[in-house]
C-alpha atoms as a PDB file:
ATOM      1  CA  MET A   1     -16.952   0.705  13.016  1.00  0.00           C
ATOM      2  CA  LEU A   2     -17.011   4.477  12.701  1.00  0.00           C
ATOM      3  CA  LEU A   3     -20.496   4.629  14.187  1.00  0.00           C
ATOM      4  CA  SER A   4     -19.513   2.471  17.139  1.00  0.00           C
ATOM      5  CA  GLY A   5     -16.515   4.743  17.753  1.00  0.00           C
ATOM      6  CA  LEU A   6     -18.728   7.828  17.659  1.00  0.00           C
ATOM      7  CA  ALA A   7     -21.267   6.183  19.962  1.00  0.00           C
ATOM      8  CA  THR A   8     -18.507   5.390  22.453  1.00  0.00           C
ATOM      9  CA  ILE A   9     -17.323   8.989  22.398  1.00  0.00           C
ATOM     10  CA  MET A  10     -20.828  10.400  22.827  1.00  0.00           C
ATOM     11  CA  LEU A  11     -21.686   8.052  25.701  1.00  0.00           C
ATOM     12  CA  GLY A  12     -18.407   8.768  27.441  1.00  0.00           C
ATOM     13  CA  LEU A  13     -18.752  12.529  27.066  1.00  0.00           C
ATOM     14  CA  ALA A  14     -22.149  12.493  28.745  1.00  0.00           C
ATOM     15  CA  ASP A  15     -20.564  11.904  32.175  1.00  0.00           C
ATOM     16  CA  LEU A  16     -17.308  13.848  31.732  1.00  0.00           C
ATOM     17  CA  SER A  17     -16.443  17.513  31.595  1.00  0.00           C
ATOM     18  CA  GLY A  18     -13.446  19.703  30.822  1.00  0.00           C
ATOM     19  CA  LEU A  19     -10.089  18.079  30.224  1.00  0.00           C
ATOM     20  CA  ALA A  20     -11.401  14.622  31.106  1.00  0.00           C
ATOM     21  CA  ALA A  21     -13.874  14.854  28.216  1.00  0.00           C
ATOM     22  CA  TRP A  22     -11.120  15.952  25.823  1.00  0.00           C
ATOM     23  CA  GLY A  23      -8.827  13.161  26.983  1.00  0.00           C
ATOM     24  CA  PHE A  24     -11.550  10.568  26.606  1.00  0.00           C
ATOM     25  CA  ALA A  25     -12.519  11.804  23.142  1.00  0.00           C
ATOM     26  CA  LEU A  26      -8.918  11.878  21.915  1.00  0.00           C
ATOM     27  CA  SER A  27      -8.165   8.399  23.250  1.00  0.00           C
ATOM     28  CA  ALA A  28     -11.342   7.083  21.593  1.00  0.00           C
ATOM     29  CA  VAL A  29     -10.298   8.642  18.260  1.00  0.00           C
ATOM     30  CA  VAL A  30      -6.810   7.122  18.554  1.00  0.00           C
ATOM     31  CA  THR A  31      -8.356   3.728  19.318  1.00  0.00           C
ATOM     32  CA  LEU A  32     -10.639   4.027  16.290  1.00  0.00           C
ATOM     33  CA  VAL A  33      -7.771   5.005  13.968  1.00  0.00           C
ATOM     34  CA  THR A  34      -5.651   2.160  15.337  1.00  0.00           C
ATOM     35  CA  ALA A  35      -8.484  -0.279  14.653  1.00  0.00           C
ATOM     36  CA  LEU A  36      -8.811   0.941  11.055  1.00  0.00           C
ATOM     37  CA  GLU A  37      -5.065   0.979  10.282  1.00  0.00           C
ATOM     38  CA  PRO A  38      -4.751  -2.777   9.560  1.00  0.00           C
ATOM     39  CA  PHE A  39      -7.573  -2.505   7.021  1.00  0.00           C
ATOM     40  CA  PHE A  40      -5.799   0.193   5.039  1.00  0.00           C
ATOM     41  CA  ASN A  41      -2.344  -1.272   5.812  1.00  0.00           C
ATOM     42  CA  PHE A  42      -0.439   1.742   4.487  1.00  0.00           C
ATOM     43  CA  ARG A  43       3.020   0.620   5.613  1.00  0.00           C
ATOM     44  CA  ALA A  44       2.856  -2.727   3.832  1.00  0.00           C
ATOM     45  CA  ARG A  45       1.543  -1.017   0.702  1.00  0.00           C
ATOM     46  CA  TRP A  46       4.387   1.518   0.779  1.00  0.00           C
ATOM     47  CA  VAL A  47       6.971  -1.241   1.126  1.00  0.00           C
ATOM     48  CA  SER A  48       5.351  -3.228  -1.673  1.00  0.00           C
ATOM     49  CA  ALA A  49       5.238  -0.135  -3.913  1.00  0.00           C
ATOM     50  CA  ASP A  50       8.908   0.602  -3.205  1.00  0.00           C
ATOM     51  CA  GLN A  51       9.846  -2.958  -4.117  1.00  0.00           C
ATOM     52  CA  ALA A  52       7.823  -2.767  -7.339  1.00  0.00           C
ATOM     53  CA  LEU A  53       9.456   0.546  -8.251  1.00  0.00           C
ATOM     54  CA  ALA A  54      12.895  -0.897  -7.578  1.00  0.00           C
ATOM     55  CA  ARG A  55      12.175  -3.867  -9.869  1.00  0.00           C
ATOM     56  CA  TRP A  56      10.744  -1.568 -12.541  1.00  0.00           C
ATOM     57  CA  HIS A  57      13.758   0.768 -12.425  1.00  0.00           C
ATOM     58  CA  ARG A  58      16.171  -2.176 -12.474  1.00  0.00           C
ATOM     59  CA  ASP A  59      14.494  -3.527 -15.601  1.00  0.00           C
ATOM     60  CA  GLU A  60      14.514  -0.064 -17.163  1.00  0.00           C
ATOM     61  CA  GLU A  61      18.228   0.348 -16.408  1.00  0.00           C
ATOM     62  CA  GLU A  62      18.959  -3.060 -17.933  1.00  0.00           C
ATOM     63  CA  LEU A  63      17.084  -2.039 -21.081  1.00  0.00           C
ATOM     64  CA  THR A  64      18.930   1.287 -21.226  1.00  0.00           C
ATOM     65  CA  THR A  65      22.274  -0.466 -20.763  1.00  0.00           C
ATOM     66  CA  TYR A  66      21.386  -3.031 -23.419  1.00  0.00           C
ATOM     67  CA  VAL A  67      20.510  -0.332 -25.965  1.00  0.00           C
ATOM     68  CA  ALA A  68      23.431   1.940 -25.043  1.00  0.00           C
ATOM     69  CA  THR A  69      26.128  -0.743 -25.261  1.00  0.00           C
ATOM     70  CA  ARG A  70      25.206  -2.247 -28.629  1.00  0.00           C
ATOM     71  CA  PRO A  71      25.350  -0.874 -32.121  1.00  0.00           C
ATOM     72  CA  GLU A  72      21.945  -0.450 -33.700  1.00  0.00           C
ATOM     73  CA  GLU A  73      22.413  -3.372 -36.085  1.00  0.00           C
ATOM     74  CA  ARG A  74      23.027  -5.765 -33.129  1.00  0.00           C
ATOM     75  CA  LEU A  75      19.851  -4.806 -31.259  1.00  0.00           C
ATOM     76  CA  LYS A  76      17.211  -7.504 -31.313  1.00  0.00           C
ATOM     77  CA  VAL A  77      13.528  -6.721 -31.097  1.00  0.00           C
ATOM     78  CA  GLU A  78      12.987  -9.909 -29.070  1.00  0.00           C
ATOM     79  CA  ASP A  79      15.405  -8.692 -26.387  1.00  0.00           C
ATOM     80  CA  VAL A  80      13.753  -5.273 -26.155  1.00  0.00           C
ATOM     81  CA  ILE A  81      10.360  -6.959 -25.857  1.00  0.00           C
ATOM     82  CA  ARG A  82      11.759  -9.246 -23.125  1.00  0.00           C
ATOM     83  CA  PHE A  83      12.899  -6.192 -21.115  1.00  0.00           C
ATOM     84  CA  ASP A  84       9.511  -4.541 -21.609  1.00  0.00           C
ATOM     85  CA  ASP A  85       7.744  -7.729 -20.528  1.00  0.00           C
ATOM     86  CA  ALA A  86       9.860  -7.770 -17.349  1.00  0.00           C
ATOM     87  CA  ARG A  87       8.743  -4.219 -16.546  1.00  0.00           C
ATOM     88  CA  ARG A  88       5.121  -5.122 -17.180  1.00  0.00           C
ATOM     89  CA  GLU A  89       5.462  -8.195 -14.967  1.00  0.00           C
ATOM     90  CA  ALA A  90       6.867  -6.055 -12.136  1.00  0.00           C
ATOM     91  CA  TRP A  91       3.712  -3.926 -12.166  1.00  0.00           C
ATOM     92  CA  ALA A  92       1.441  -6.931 -12.621  1.00  0.00           C
ATOM     93  CA  GLN A  93       3.044  -8.612  -9.589  1.00  0.00           C
ATOM     94  CA  PHE A  94       2.589  -5.421  -7.565  1.00  0.00           C
ATOM     95  CA  SER A  95      -1.097  -5.343  -8.536  1.00  0.00           C
ATOM     96  CA  ARG A  96      -1.581  -8.995  -7.583  1.00  0.00           C
ATOM     97  CA  ASP A  97       0.157  -8.460  -4.231  1.00  0.00           C
ATOM     98  CA  TRP A  98      -1.905  -5.352  -3.521  1.00  0.00           C
ATOM     99  CA  LEU A  99      -5.165  -7.132  -4.309  1.00  0.00           C
ATOM    100  CA  ALA A 100      -4.188 -10.101  -2.142  1.00  0.00           C
ATOM    101  CA  GLU A 101      -3.371  -7.780   0.774  1.00  0.00           C
ATOM    102  CA  ARG A 102      -6.672  -5.919   0.377  1.00  0.00           C
ATOM    103  CA  ARG A 103      -8.645  -9.147   0.248  1.00  0.00           C
ATOM    104  CA  GLY A 104      -6.843 -10.420   3.343  1.00  0.00           C
ATOM    105  CA  ALA A 105      -7.437  -7.153   5.200  1.00  0.00           C
ATOM    106  CA  SER A 106     -11.149  -7.115   4.414  1.00  0.00           C
ATOM    107  CA  LYS A 107     -11.463 -10.694   5.741  1.00  0.00           C
ATOM    108  CA  GLU A 108      -9.688  -9.716   8.978  1.00  0.00           C
ATOM    109  CA  VAL A 109     -11.937  -6.687   9.519  1.00  0.00           C
ATOM    110  CA  GLY A 110     -15.056  -8.750   8.780  1.00  0.00           C
ATOM    111  CA  ARG A 111     -14.337 -11.219  11.580  1.00  0.00           C
END
């Protein structure tokens, strides 16, 4: 894709001069970046990362609250492990979502 974008710019510049050449080159670069953006899909990844962080922090706050509001003798290892498993699952879900998005994006670009 990058090579086709560069070829378009080079062919277009052959017949243009001055500001017209600059305008053509810049519009070709913008078109190329716009074509690549769905493949990298930064916005969706940022939203997904924010959601994963929110889940992770929520689970961490629940664990902190659990430990802070109980005397040591009433703390159960099983409960602490359950909170830790929830945090791990938040990151595992984020990883699965990210991989699914990347696989979907590579299929769309390959069309």
